[in-house]
Amino acid sequence: MGLFSRLFGVGKDPQSTAFRRKRAAELHGQVIRYVTEQRNDNEDVIGRGGSLAVSGDEFIVDSSGDTLFRCKVDELEAAYLMSGDGVIVTGPNLLENGKMRTITVHFVYYRK
């Protein structure tokens, strides 16, 4: 990526495959504090602990000793929370035969 692209944001289309792969690579190895999902009018905690991983062409959310979410990286939509301490992940969950699922993953905070 050239200097012009970095300065002016050329190529930062969230729908592009390159952007999705880069975002998945950024999230790989993040340690999870807890995972929530919006159900009806409540936001329920569905997992605690764990990590995010990229394995081959799949993005995996592993929490509470179980795989909660598995999606193809090229179909993944991931947006950071404004606070920067988590990410909203949306995509067809391969564990549920491709049913669209949206979960919020909150990271463990480590001072760097």
PDB file of N, CA and C in Angstrom:
ATOM      1  N   MET A   1       0.854  -1.167   0.000  1.00  0.00           N
ATOM      2  CA  MET A   1       0.000   0.000   0.000  1.00  0.00           C
ATOM      3  C   MET A   1       0.894   1.221   0.000  1.00  0.00           C
ATOM      4  N   GLY A   2       0.644   2.131  -0.894  1.00  0.00           N
ATOM      5  CA  GLY A   2       1.469   3.315  -1.032  1.00  0.00           C
ATOM      6  C   GLY A   2       1.121   4.398  -0.036  1.00  0.00           C
ATOM      7  N   LEU A   3       1.953   5.411  -0.045  1.00  0.00           N
ATOM      8  CA  LEU A   3       1.764   6.546   0.850  1.00  0.00           C
ATOM      9  C   LEU A   3       0.441   7.257   0.579  1.00  0.00           C
ATOM     10  N   PHE A   4       0.117   7.456  -0.693  1.00  0.00           N
ATOM     11  CA  PHE A   4      -1.133   8.116  -1.071  1.00  0.00           C
ATOM     12  C   PHE A   4      -2.343   7.360  -0.520  1.00  0.00           C
ATOM     13  N   SER A   5      -2.318   6.049  -0.628  1.00  0.00           N
ATOM     14  CA  SER A   5      -3.429   5.228  -0.143  1.00  0.00           C
ATOM     15  C   SER A   5      -3.586   5.340   1.363  1.00  0.00           C
ATOM     16  N   ARG A   6      -2.477   5.349   2.081  1.00  0.00           N
ATOM     17  CA  ARG A   6      -2.541   5.446   3.537  1.00  0.00           C
ATOM     18  C   ARG A   6      -3.019   6.819   3.997  1.00  0.00           C
ATOM     19  N   LEU A   7      -2.609   7.862   3.300  1.00  0.00           N
ATOM     20  CA  LEU A   7      -2.991   9.208   3.705  1.00  0.00           C
ATOM     21  C   LEU A   7      -4.448   9.527   3.441  1.00  0.00           C
ATOM     22  N   PHE A   8      -4.959   9.105   2.301  1.00  0.00           N
ATOM     23  CA  PHE A   8      -6.290   9.512   1.896  1.00  0.00           C
ATOM     24  C   PHE A   8      -7.337   8.413   1.999  1.00  0.00           C
ATOM     25  N   GLY A   9      -6.987   7.274   2.562  1.00  0.00           N
ATOM     26  CA  GLY A   9      -7.965   6.237   2.815  1.00  0.00           C
ATOM     27  C   GLY A   9      -8.447   5.497   1.595  1.00  0.00           C
ATOM     28  N   VAL A  10      -7.727   5.558   0.502  1.00  0.00           N
ATOM     29  CA  VAL A  10      -8.123   4.825  -0.693  1.00  0.00           C
ATOM     30  C   VAL A  10      -7.997   3.335  -0.404  1.00  0.00           C
ATOM     31  N   GLY A  11      -9.015   2.581  -0.756  1.00  0.00           N
ATOM     32  CA  GLY A  11      -8.974   1.135  -0.524  1.00  0.00           C
ATOM     33  C   GLY A  11      -9.506   0.727   0.832  1.00  0.00           C
ATOM     34  N   LYS A  12     -10.187   1.607   1.529  1.00  0.00           N
ATOM     35  CA  LYS A  12     -10.723   1.267   2.848  1.00  0.00           C
ATOM     36  C   LYS A  12     -12.212   0.982   2.782  1.00  0.00           C
ATOM     37  N   ASP A  13     -12.634   0.274   1.771  1.00  0.00           N
ATOM     38  CA  ASP A  13     -14.034  -0.094   1.605  1.00  0.00           C
ATOM     39  C   ASP A  13     -14.337  -1.291   2.502  1.00  0.00           C
ATOM     40  N   PRO A  14     -15.195  -1.145   3.514  1.00  0.00           N
ATOM     41  CA  PRO A  14     -15.482  -2.247   4.432  1.00  0.00           C
ATOM     42  C   PRO A  14     -16.116  -3.469   3.757  1.00  0.00           C
ATOM     43  N   GLN A  15     -16.628  -3.304   2.550  1.00  0.00           N
ATOM     44  CA  GLN A  15     -17.237  -4.435   1.847  1.00  0.00           C
ATOM     45  C   GLN A  15     -16.225  -5.199   0.996  1.00  0.00           C
ATOM     46  N   SER A  16     -15.012  -4.703   0.878  1.00  0.00           N
ATOM     47  CA  SER A  16     -14.010  -5.360   0.036  1.00  0.00           C
ATOM     48  C   SER A  16     -13.402  -6.564   0.757  1.00  0.00           C
ATOM     49  N   THR A  17     -12.989  -7.517  -0.026  1.00  0.00           N
ATOM     50  CA  THR A  17     -12.384  -8.734   0.517  1.00  0.00           C
ATOM     51  C   THR A  17     -11.064  -8.408   1.212  1.00  0.00           C
ATOM     52  N   ALA A  18     -10.280  -7.517   0.641  1.00  0.00           N
ATOM     53  CA  ALA A  18      -8.992  -7.158   1.236  1.00  0.00           C
ATOM     54  C   ALA A  18      -9.187  -6.532   2.619  1.00  0.00           C
ATOM     55  N   PHE A  19     -10.185  -5.661   2.758  1.00  0.00           N
ATOM     56  CA  PHE A  19     -10.462  -5.030   4.047  1.00  0.00           C
ATOM     57  C   PHE A  19     -10.878  -6.079   5.076  1.00  0.00           C
ATOM     58  N   ARG A  20     -11.740  -6.999   4.672  1.00  0.00           N
ATOM     59  CA  ARG A  20     -12.215  -8.030   5.600  1.00  0.00           C
ATOM     60  C   ARG A  20     -11.081  -8.936   6.059  1.00  0.00           C
ATOM     61  N   ARG A  21     -10.190  -9.279   5.150  1.00  0.00           N
ATOM     62  CA  ARG A  21      -9.050 -10.129   5.518  1.00  0.00           C
ATOM     63  C   ARG A  21      -8.103  -9.395   6.455  1.00  0.00           C
ATOM     64  N   LYS A  22      -7.888  -8.109   6.192  1.00  0.00           N
ATOM     65  CA  LYS A  22      -7.017  -7.311   7.055  1.00  0.00           C
ATOM     66  C   LYS A  22      -7.615  -7.180   8.453  1.00  0.00           C
ATOM     67  N   ARG A  23      -8.913  -6.933   8.542  1.00  0.00           N
ATOM     68  CA  ARG A  23      -9.576  -6.800   9.843  1.00  0.00           C
ATOM     69  C   ARG A  23      -9.502  -8.118  10.616  1.00  0.00           C
ATOM     70  N   ALA A  24      -9.727  -9.244   9.937  1.00  0.00           N
ATOM     71  CA  ALA A  24      -9.639 -10.548  10.601  1.00  0.00           C
ATOM     72  C   ALA A  24      -8.224 -10.787  11.125  1.00  0.00           C
ATOM     73  N   ALA A  25      -7.221 -10.395  10.340  1.00  0.00           N
ATOM     74  CA  ALA A  25      -5.829 -10.555  10.774  1.00  0.00           C
ATOM     75  C   ALA A  25      -5.533  -9.685  11.997  1.00  0.00           C
ATOM     76  N   GLU A  26      -6.110  -8.474  12.057  1.00  0.00           N
ATOM     77  CA  GLU A  26      -5.941  -7.595  13.214  1.00  0.00           C
ATOM     78  C   GLU A  26      -6.537  -8.223  14.473  1.00  0.00           C
ATOM     79  N   LEU A  27      -7.660  -8.902  14.322  1.00  0.00           N
ATOM     80  CA  LEU A  27      -8.372  -9.472  15.468  1.00  0.00           C
ATOM     81  C   LEU A  27      -7.787 -10.811  15.926  1.00  0.00           C
ATOM     82  N   HIS A  28      -7.029 -11.462  15.066  1.00  0.00           N
ATOM     83  CA  HIS A  28      -6.466 -12.777  15.390  1.00  0.00           C
ATOM     84  C   HIS A  28      -5.620 -12.691  16.664  1.00  0.00           C
ATOM     85  N   GLY A  29      -5.926 -13.548  17.617  1.00  0.00           N
ATOM     86  CA  GLY A  29      -5.167 -13.611  18.862  1.00  0.00           C
ATOM     87  C   GLY A  29      -5.679 -12.721  19.975  1.00  0.00           C
ATOM     88  N   GLN A  30      -6.705 -11.905  19.709  1.00  0.00           N
ATOM     89  CA  GLN A  30      -7.257 -11.051  20.757  1.00  0.00           C
ATOM     90  C   GLN A  30      -7.856 -11.919  21.869  1.00  0.00           C
ATOM     91  N   VAL A  31      -7.594 -11.527  23.107  1.00  0.00           N
ATOM     92  CA  VAL A  31      -8.115 -12.253  24.265  1.00  0.00           C
ATOM     93  C   VAL A  31      -9.486 -11.679  24.620  1.00  0.00           C
ATOM     94  N   ILE A  32     -10.453 -12.577  24.832  1.00  0.00           N
ATOM     95  CA  ILE A  32     -11.840 -12.176  25.089  1.00  0.00           C
ATOM     96  C   ILE A  32     -12.090 -12.052  26.588  1.00  0.00           C
ATOM     97  N   ARG A  33     -12.750 -10.968  26.961  1.00  0.00           N
ATOM     98  CA  ARG A  33     -13.236 -10.806  28.331  1.00  0.00           C
ATOM     99  C   ARG A  33     -14.612 -11.465  28.444  1.00  0.00           C
ATOM    100  N   TYR A  34     -15.537 -11.050  27.564  1.00  0.00           N
ATOM    101  CA  TYR A  34     -16.845 -11.702  27.489  1.00  0.00           C
ATOM    102  C   TYR A  34     -17.477 -11.417  26.132  1.00  0.00           C
ATOM    103  N   VAL A  35     -18.498 -12.225  25.788  1.00  0.00           N
ATOM    104  CA  VAL A  35     -19.205 -12.120  24.515  1.00  0.00           C
ATOM    105  C   VAL A  35     -20.687 -11.940  24.814  1.00  0.00           C
ATOM    106  N   THR A  36     -21.324 -10.978  24.129  1.00  0.00           N
ATOM    107  CA  THR A  36     -22.754 -10.744  24.319  1.00  0.00           C
ATOM    108  C   THR A  36     -23.483 -10.859  22.988  1.00  0.00           C
ATOM    109  N   GLU A  37     -24.803 -11.091  23.105  1.00  0.00           N
ATOM    110  CA  GLU A  37     -25.656 -11.147  21.924  1.00  0.00           C
ATOM    111  C   GLU A  37     -26.992 -10.509  22.269  1.00  0.00           C
ATOM    112  N   GLN A  38     -27.514  -9.718  21.343  1.00  0.00           N
ATOM    113  CA  GLN A  38     -28.810  -9.073  21.528  1.00  0.00           C
ATOM    114  C   GLN A  38     -29.913 -10.093  21.260  1.00  0.00           C
ATOM    115  N   ARG A  39     -30.727 -10.372  22.248  1.00  0.00           N
ATOM    116  CA  ARG A  39     -31.859 -11.291  22.111  1.00  0.00           C
ATOM    117  C   ARG A  39     -33.100 -10.581  22.631  1.00  0.00           C
ATOM    118  N   ASN A  40     -34.097 -10.460  21.761  1.00  0.00           N
ATOM    119  CA  ASN A  40     -35.310  -9.707  22.085  1.00  0.00           C
ATOM    120  C   ASN A  40     -34.918  -8.301  22.526  1.00  0.00           C
ATOM    121  N   ASP A  41     -35.196  -7.921  23.743  1.00  0.00           N
ATOM    122  CA  ASP A  41     -34.840  -6.584  24.226  1.00  0.00           C
ATOM    123  C   ASP A  41     -33.677  -6.620  25.206  1.00  0.00           C
ATOM    124  N   ASN A  42     -33.038  -7.768  25.370  1.00  0.00           N
ATOM    125  CA  ASN A  42     -31.950  -7.927  26.330  1.00  0.00           C
ATOM    126  C   ASN A  42     -30.635  -8.208  25.622  1.00  0.00           C
ATOM    127  N   GLU A  43     -29.562  -7.799  26.250  1.00  0.00           N
ATOM    128  CA  GLU A  43     -28.239  -8.165  25.767  1.00  0.00           C
ATOM    129  C   GLU A  43     -27.698  -9.208  26.736  1.00  0.00           C
ATOM    130  N   ASP A  44     -27.634 -10.454  26.282  1.00  0.00           N
ATOM    131  CA  ASP A  44     -27.249 -11.576  27.133  1.00  0.00           C
ATOM    132  C   ASP A  44     -25.779 -11.923  26.960  1.00  0.00           C
ATOM    133  N   VAL A  45     -25.114 -12.240  28.065  1.00  0.00           N
ATOM    134  CA  VAL A  45     -23.739 -12.729  28.009  1.00  0.00           C
ATOM    135  C   VAL A  45     -23.799 -14.198  27.608  1.00  0.00           C
ATOM    136  N   ILE A  46     -23.128 -14.535  26.499  1.00  0.00           N
ATOM    137  CA  ILE A  46     -23.164 -15.915  26.008  1.00  0.00           C
ATOM    138  C   ILE A  46     -21.817 -16.629  26.164  1.00  0.00           C
ATOM    139  N   GLY A  47     -20.803 -15.901  26.623  1.00  0.00           N
ATOM    140  CA  GLY A  47     -19.508 -16.527  26.840  1.00  0.00           C
ATOM    141  C   GLY A  47     -18.565 -15.636  27.608  1.00  0.00           C
ATOM    142  N   ARG A  48     -17.639 -16.260  28.328  1.00  0.00           N
ATOM    143  CA  ARG A  48     -16.619 -15.530  29.082  1.00  0.00           C
ATOM    144  C   ARG A  48     -15.269 -16.170  28.805  1.00  0.00           C
ATOM    145  N   GLY A  49     -14.271 -15.316  28.667  1.00  0.00           N
ATOM    146  CA  GLY A  49     -12.928 -15.808  28.381  1.00  0.00           C
ATOM    147  C   GLY A  49     -12.822 -16.299  26.950  1.00  0.00           C
ATOM    148  N   GLY A  50     -11.643 -16.743  26.566  1.00  0.00           N
ATOM    149  CA  GLY A  50     -11.438 -17.285  25.234  1.00  0.00           C
ATOM    150  C   GLY A  50     -10.634 -16.356  24.353  1.00  0.00           C
ATOM    151  N   SER A  51     -10.714 -16.596  23.026  1.00  0.00           N
ATOM    152  CA  SER A  51      -9.938 -15.785  22.096  1.00  0.00           C
ATOM    153  C   SER A  51     -10.551 -15.809  20.703  1.00  0.00           C
ATOM    154  N   LEU A  52     -10.079 -14.884  19.869  1.00  0.00           N
ATOM    155  CA  LEU A  52     -10.464 -14.819  18.463  1.00  0.00           C
ATOM    156  C   LEU A  52      -9.330 -15.431  17.645  1.00  0.00           C
ATOM    157  N   ALA A  53      -9.687 -16.134  16.574  1.00  0.00           N
ATOM    158  CA  ALA A  53      -8.657 -16.789  15.771  1.00  0.00           C
ATOM    159  C   ALA A  53      -9.056 -16.850  14.304  1.00  0.00           C
ATOM    160  N   VAL A  54      -8.048 -16.881  13.452  1.00  0.00           N
ATOM    161  CA  VAL A  54      -8.237 -17.137  12.029  1.00  0.00           C
ATOM    162  C   VAL A  54      -7.554 -18.457  11.739  1.00  0.00           C
ATOM    163  N   SER A  55      -8.311 -19.397  11.207  1.00  0.00           N
ATOM    164  CA  SER A  55      -7.774 -20.706  10.859  1.00  0.00           C
ATOM    165  C   SER A  55      -8.111 -20.979   9.404  1.00  0.00           C
ATOM    166  N   GLY A  56      -7.091 -20.934   8.556  1.00  0.00           N
ATOM    167  CA  GLY A  56      -7.335 -21.102   7.131  1.00  0.00           C
ATOM    168  C   GLY A  56      -8.126 -19.929   6.609  1.00  0.00           C
ATOM    169  N   ASP A  57      -9.323 -20.187   6.086  1.00  0.00           N
ATOM    170  CA  ASP A  57     -10.174 -19.112   5.573  1.00  0.00           C
ATOM    171  C   ASP A  57     -11.379 -18.869   6.477  1.00  0.00           C
ATOM    172  N   GLU A  58     -11.292 -19.297   7.747  1.00  0.00           N
ATOM    173  CA  GLU A  58     -12.397 -19.137   8.691  1.00  0.00           C
ATOM    174  C   GLU A  58     -12.000 -18.270   9.877  1.00  0.00           C
ATOM    175  N   PHE A  59     -12.946 -17.462  10.356  1.00  0.00           N
ATOM    176  CA  PHE A  59     -12.794 -16.646  11.550  1.00  0.00           C
ATOM    177  C   PHE A  59     -13.557 -17.336  12.675  1.00  0.00           C
ATOM    178  N   ILE A  60     -12.917 -17.523  13.807  1.00  0.00           N
ATOM    179  CA  ILE A  60     -13.505 -18.319  14.898  1.00  0.00           C
ATOM    180  C   ILE A  60     -13.534 -17.509  16.196  1.00  0.00           C
ATOM    181  N   VAL A  61     -14.679 -17.540  16.873  1.00  0.00           N
ATOM    182  CA  VAL A  61     -14.814 -16.966  18.212  1.00  0.00           C
ATOM    183  C   VAL A  61     -14.974 -18.144  19.161  1.00  0.00           C
ATOM    184  N   ASP A  62     -13.974 -18.322  20.012  1.00  0.00           N
ATOM    185  CA  ASP A  62     -13.959 -19.442  20.951  1.00  0.00           C
ATOM    186  C   ASP A  62     -14.045 -18.866  22.360  1.00  0.00           C
ATOM    187  N   SER A  63     -15.117 -19.214  23.093  1.00  0.00           N
ATOM    188  CA  SER A  63     -15.320 -18.664  24.422  1.00  0.00           C
ATOM    189  C   SER A  63     -16.009 -19.679  25.318  1.00  0.00           C
ATOM    190  N   SER A  64     -15.712 -19.619  26.586  1.00  0.00           N
ATOM    191  CA  SER A  64     -16.287 -20.532  27.585  1.00  0.00           C
ATOM    192  C   SER A  64     -16.046 -21.991  27.210  1.00  0.00           C
ATOM    193  N   GLY A  65     -14.913 -22.270  26.604  1.00  0.00           N
ATOM    194  CA  GLY A  65     -14.563 -23.636  26.250  1.00  0.00           C
ATOM    195  C   GLY A  65     -15.349 -24.198  25.086  1.00  0.00           C
ATOM    196  N   ASP A  66     -16.003 -23.350  24.323  1.00  0.00           N
ATOM    197  CA  ASP A  66     -16.835 -23.795  23.203  1.00  0.00           C
ATOM    198  C   ASP A  66     -16.686 -22.805  22.050  1.00  0.00           C
ATOM    199  N   THR A  67     -16.883 -23.281  20.844  1.00  0.00           N
ATOM    200  CA  THR A  67     -16.869 -22.401  19.680  1.00  0.00           C
ATOM    201  C   THR A  67     -18.254 -21.789  19.533  1.00  0.00           C
ATOM    202  N   LEU A  68     -18.344 -20.464  19.646  1.00  0.00           N
ATOM    203  CA  LEU A  68     -19.627 -19.767  19.573  1.00  0.00           C
ATOM    204  C   LEU A  68     -19.967 -19.325  18.153  1.00  0.00           C
ATOM    205  N   PHE A  69     -18.929 -19.031  17.366  1.00  0.00           N
ATOM    206  CA  PHE A  69     -19.151 -18.422  16.052  1.00  0.00           C
ATOM    207  C   PHE A  69     -18.030 -18.854  15.118  1.00  0.00           C
ATOM    208  N   ARG A  70     -18.408 -19.229  13.899  1.00  0.00           N
ATOM    209  CA  ARG A  70     -17.445 -19.605  12.869  1.00  0.00           C
ATOM    210  C   ARG A  70     -17.981 -19.078  11.545  1.00  0.00           C
ATOM    211  N   CYS A  71     -17.151 -18.342  10.829  1.00  0.00           N
ATOM    212  CA  CYS A  71     -17.585 -17.677   9.599  1.00  0.00           C
ATOM    213  C   CYS A  71     -16.416 -17.622   8.619  1.00  0.00           C
ATOM    214  N   LYS A  72     -16.709 -17.632   7.333  1.00  0.00           N
ATOM    215  CA  LYS A  72     -15.682 -17.431   6.313  1.00  0.00           C
ATOM    216  C   LYS A  72     -15.179 -15.992   6.424  1.00  0.00           C
ATOM    217  N   VAL A  73     -13.871 -15.798   6.380  1.00  0.00           N
ATOM    218  CA  VAL A  73     -13.282 -14.469   6.520  1.00  0.00           C
ATOM    219  C   VAL A  73     -13.811 -13.519   5.452  1.00  0.00           C
ATOM    220  N   ASP A  74     -14.013 -14.011   4.238  1.00  0.00           N
ATOM    221  CA  ASP A  74     -14.476 -13.153   3.146  1.00  0.00           C
ATOM    222  C   ASP A  74     -15.920 -12.680   3.309  1.00  0.00           C
ATOM    223  N   GLU A  75     -16.679 -13.278   4.243  1.00  0.00           N
ATOM    224  CA  GLU A  75     -18.070 -12.891   4.490  1.00  0.00           C
ATOM    225  C   GLU A  75     -18.239 -12.172   5.832  1.00  0.00           C
ATOM    226  N   LEU A  76     -17.141 -11.986   6.532  1.00  0.00           N
ATOM    227  CA  LEU A  76     -17.152 -11.412   7.878  1.00  0.00           C
ATOM    228  C   LEU A  76     -17.304  -9.897   7.833  1.00  0.00           C
ATOM    229  N   GLU A  77     -18.136  -9.365   8.715  1.00  0.00           N
ATOM    230  CA  GLU A  77     -18.230  -7.925   8.942  1.00  0.00           C
ATOM    231  C   GLU A  77     -17.852  -7.695  10.395  1.00  0.00           C
ATOM    232  N   ALA A  78     -16.812  -6.900  10.604  1.00  0.00           N
ATOM    233  CA  ALA A  78     -16.337  -6.635  11.959  1.00  0.00           C
ATOM    234  C   ALA A  78     -16.101  -5.142  12.120  1.00  0.00           C
ATOM    235  N   ALA A  79     -16.741  -4.540  13.118  1.00  0.00           N
ATOM    236  CA  ALA A  79     -16.610  -3.109  13.372  1.00  0.00           C
ATOM    237  C   ALA A  79     -16.226  -2.897  14.836  1.00  0.00           C
ATOM    238  N   TYR A  80     -15.164  -2.135  15.052  1.00  0.00           N
ATOM    239  CA  TYR A  80     -14.725  -1.854  16.412  1.00  0.00           C
ATOM    240  C   TYR A  80     -15.762  -1.004  17.138  1.00  0.00           C
ATOM    241  N   LEU A  81     -15.889  -1.211  18.439  1.00  0.00           N
ATOM    242  CA  LEU A  81     -16.704  -0.347  19.280  1.00  0.00           C
ATOM    243  C   LEU A  81     -16.012   1.007  19.374  1.00  0.00           C
ATOM    244  N   MET A  82     -16.764   2.057  19.594  1.00  0.00           N
ATOM    245  CA  MET A  82     -16.169   3.395  19.667  1.00  0.00           C
ATOM    246  C   MET A  82     -15.150   3.495  20.797  1.00  0.00           C
ATOM    247  N   SER A  83     -15.342   2.742  21.852  1.00  0.00           N
ATOM    248  CA  SER A  83     -14.392   2.761  22.967  1.00  0.00           C
ATOM    249  C   SER A  83     -13.101   2.044  22.613  1.00  0.00           C
ATOM    250  N   GLY A  84     -13.135   1.201  21.585  1.00  0.00           N
ATOM    251  CA  GLY A  84     -11.953   0.458  21.177  1.00  0.00           C
ATOM    252  C   GLY A  84     -11.704  -0.802  21.975  1.00  0.00           C
ATOM    253  N   ASP A  85     -12.575  -1.101  22.939  1.00  0.00           N
ATOM    254  CA  ASP A  85     -12.346  -2.279  23.777  1.00  0.00           C
ATOM    255  C   ASP A  85     -13.169  -3.489  23.342  1.00  0.00           C
ATOM    256  N   GLY A  86     -13.605  -3.503  22.103  1.00  0.00           N
ATOM    257  CA  GLY A  86     -14.361  -4.646  21.605  1.00  0.00           C
ATOM    258  C   GLY A  86     -14.688  -4.486  20.139  1.00  0.00           C
ATOM    259  N   VAL A  87     -15.418  -5.466  19.615  1.00  0.00           N
ATOM    260  CA  VAL A  87     -15.767  -5.486  18.201  1.00  0.00           C
ATOM    261  C   VAL A  87     -17.138  -6.127  18.034  1.00  0.00           C
ATOM    262  N   ILE A  88     -17.915  -5.621  17.077  1.00  0.00           N
ATOM    263  CA  ILE A  88     -19.194  -6.224  16.718  1.00  0.00           C
ATOM    264  C   ILE A  88     -18.939  -7.087  15.494  1.00  0.00           C
ATOM    265  N   VAL A  89     -19.249  -8.361  15.594  1.00  0.00           N
ATOM    266  CA  VAL A  89     -18.979  -9.326  14.529  1.00  0.00           C
ATOM    267  C   VAL A  89     -20.302  -9.802  13.951  1.00  0.00           C
ATOM    268  N   THR A  90     -20.436  -9.732  12.626  1.00  0.00           N
ATOM    269  CA  THR A  90     -21.639 -10.184  11.933  1.00  0.00           C
ATOM    270  C   THR A  90     -21.238 -11.062  10.758  1.00  0.00           C
ATOM    271  N   GLY A  91     -21.989 -12.132  10.577  1.00  0.00           N
ATOM    272  CA  GLY A  91     -21.732 -13.005   9.430  1.00  0.00           C
ATOM    273  C   GLY A  91     -22.560 -14.269   9.511  1.00  0.00           C
ATOM    274  N   PRO A  92     -22.549 -15.060   8.431  1.00  0.00           N
ATOM    275  CA  PRO A  92     -23.265 -16.337   8.444  1.00  0.00           C
ATOM    276  C   PRO A  92     -22.508 -17.345   9.295  1.00  0.00           C
ATOM    277  N   ASN A  93     -23.130 -17.781  10.380  1.00  0.00           N
ATOM    278  CA  ASN A  93     -22.498 -18.706  11.316  1.00  0.00           C
ATOM    279  C   ASN A  93     -22.533 -20.115  10.732  1.00  0.00           C
ATOM    280  N   LEU A  94     -21.370 -20.670  10.458  1.00  0.00           N
ATOM    281  CA  LEU A  94     -21.288 -22.011   9.882  1.00  0.00           C
ATOM    282  C   LEU A  94     -21.749 -23.088  10.862  1.00  0.00           C
ATOM    283  N   LEU A  95     -21.765 -22.772  12.144  1.00  0.00           N
ATOM    284  CA  LEU A  95     -22.226 -23.729  13.151  1.00  0.00           C
ATOM    285  C   LEU A  95     -23.741 -23.866  13.154  1.00  0.00           C
ATOM    286  N   GLU A  96     -24.425 -22.897  12.551  1.00  0.00           N
ATOM    287  CA  GLU A  96     -25.885 -22.896  12.494  1.00  0.00           C
ATOM    288  C   GLU A  96     -26.368 -22.905  11.039  1.00  0.00           C
ATOM    289  N   ASN A  97     -25.658 -23.622  10.191  1.00  0.00           N
ATOM    290  CA  ASN A  97     -26.019 -23.774   8.770  1.00  0.00           C
ATOM    291  C   ASN A  97     -26.143 -22.446   8.032  1.00  0.00           C
ATOM    292  N   GLY A  98     -25.270 -21.486   8.341  1.00  0.00           N
ATOM    293  CA  GLY A  98     -25.235 -20.224   7.615  1.00  0.00           C
ATOM    294  C   GLY A  98     -26.217 -19.173   8.086  1.00  0.00           C
ATOM    295  N   LYS A  99     -26.831 -19.362   9.242  1.00  0.00           N
ATOM    296  CA  LYS A  99     -27.755 -18.361   9.790  1.00  0.00           C
ATOM    297  C   LYS A  99     -26.960 -17.113  10.181  1.00  0.00           C
ATOM    298  N   MET A 100     -27.446 -15.926   9.760  1.00  0.00           N
ATOM    299  CA  MET A 100     -26.771 -14.667  10.097  1.00  0.00           C
ATOM    300  C   MET A 100     -26.828 -14.448  11.609  1.00  0.00           C
ATOM    301  N   ARG A 101     -25.687 -14.063  12.154  1.00  0.00           N
ATOM    302  CA  ARG A 101     -25.602 -13.860  13.589  1.00  0.00           C
ATOM    303  C   ARG A 101     -24.734 -12.640  13.866  1.00  0.00           C
ATOM    304  N   THR A 102     -25.134 -11.863  14.857  1.00  0.00           N
ATOM    305  CA  THR A 102     -24.371 -10.697  15.277  1.00  0.00           C
ATOM    306  C   THR A 102     -24.066 -10.828  16.761  1.00  0.00           C
ATOM    307  N   ILE A 103     -22.780 -10.777  17.087  1.00  0.00           N
ATOM    308  CA  ILE A 103     -22.358 -10.848  18.485  1.00  0.00           C
ATOM    309  C   ILE A 103     -21.391  -9.701  18.762  1.00  0.00           C
ATOM    310  N   THR A 104     -21.289  -9.332  20.024  1.00  0.00           N
ATOM    311  CA  THR A 104     -20.349  -8.299  20.447  1.00  0.00           C
ATOM    312  C   THR A 104     -19.299  -8.951  21.328  1.00  0.00           C
ATOM    313  N   VAL A 105     -18.044  -8.785  20.946  1.00  0.00           N
ATOM    314  CA  VAL A 105     -16.926  -9.370  21.679  1.00  0.00           C
ATOM    315  C   VAL A 105     -16.193  -8.245  22.396  1.00  0.00           C
ATOM    316  N   HIS A 106     -16.049  -8.365  23.712  1.00  0.00           N
ATOM    317  CA  HIS A 106     -15.341  -7.379  24.516  1.00  0.00           C
ATOM    318  C   HIS A 106     -13.971  -7.937  24.865  1.00  0.00           C
ATOM    319  N   PHE A 107     -12.927  -7.140  24.669  1.00  0.00           N
ATOM    320  CA  PHE A 107     -11.560  -7.594  24.873  1.00  0.00           C
ATOM    321  C   PHE A 107     -11.127  -7.411  26.307  1.00  0.00           C
ATOM    322  N   VAL A 108     -10.115  -8.190  26.707  1.00  0.00           N
ATOM    323  CA  VAL A 108      -9.422  -7.982  27.956  1.00  0.00           C
ATOM    324  C   VAL A 108      -8.497  -6.802  27.746  1.00  0.00           C
ATOM    325  N   TYR A 109      -8.468  -5.894  28.694  1.00  0.00           N
ATOM    326  CA  TYR A 109      -7.634  -4.692  28.560  1.00  0.00           C
ATOM    327  C   TYR A 109      -6.258  -4.963  29.147  1.00  0.00           C
ATOM    328  N   TYR A 110      -5.240  -4.767  28.329  1.00  0.00           N
ATOM    329  CA  TYR A 110      -3.862  -4.852  28.796  1.00  0.00           C
ATOM    330  C   TYR A 110      -3.183  -3.517  28.516  1.00  0.00           C
ATOM    331  N   ARG A 111      -2.551  -2.954  29.509  1.00  0.00           N
ATOM    332  CA  ARG A 111      -1.802  -1.703  29.296  1.00  0.00           C
ATOM    333  C   ARG A 111      -0.544  -2.031  28.519  1.00  0.00           C
ATOM    334  N   LYS A 112      -0.298  -1.260  27.465  1.00  0.00           N
ATOM    335  CA  LYS A 112       0.884  -1.523  26.628  1.00  0.00           C
ATOM    336  C   LYS A 112       1.933  -0.475  26.839  1.00  0.00           C
TER     337      LYS A 112
END
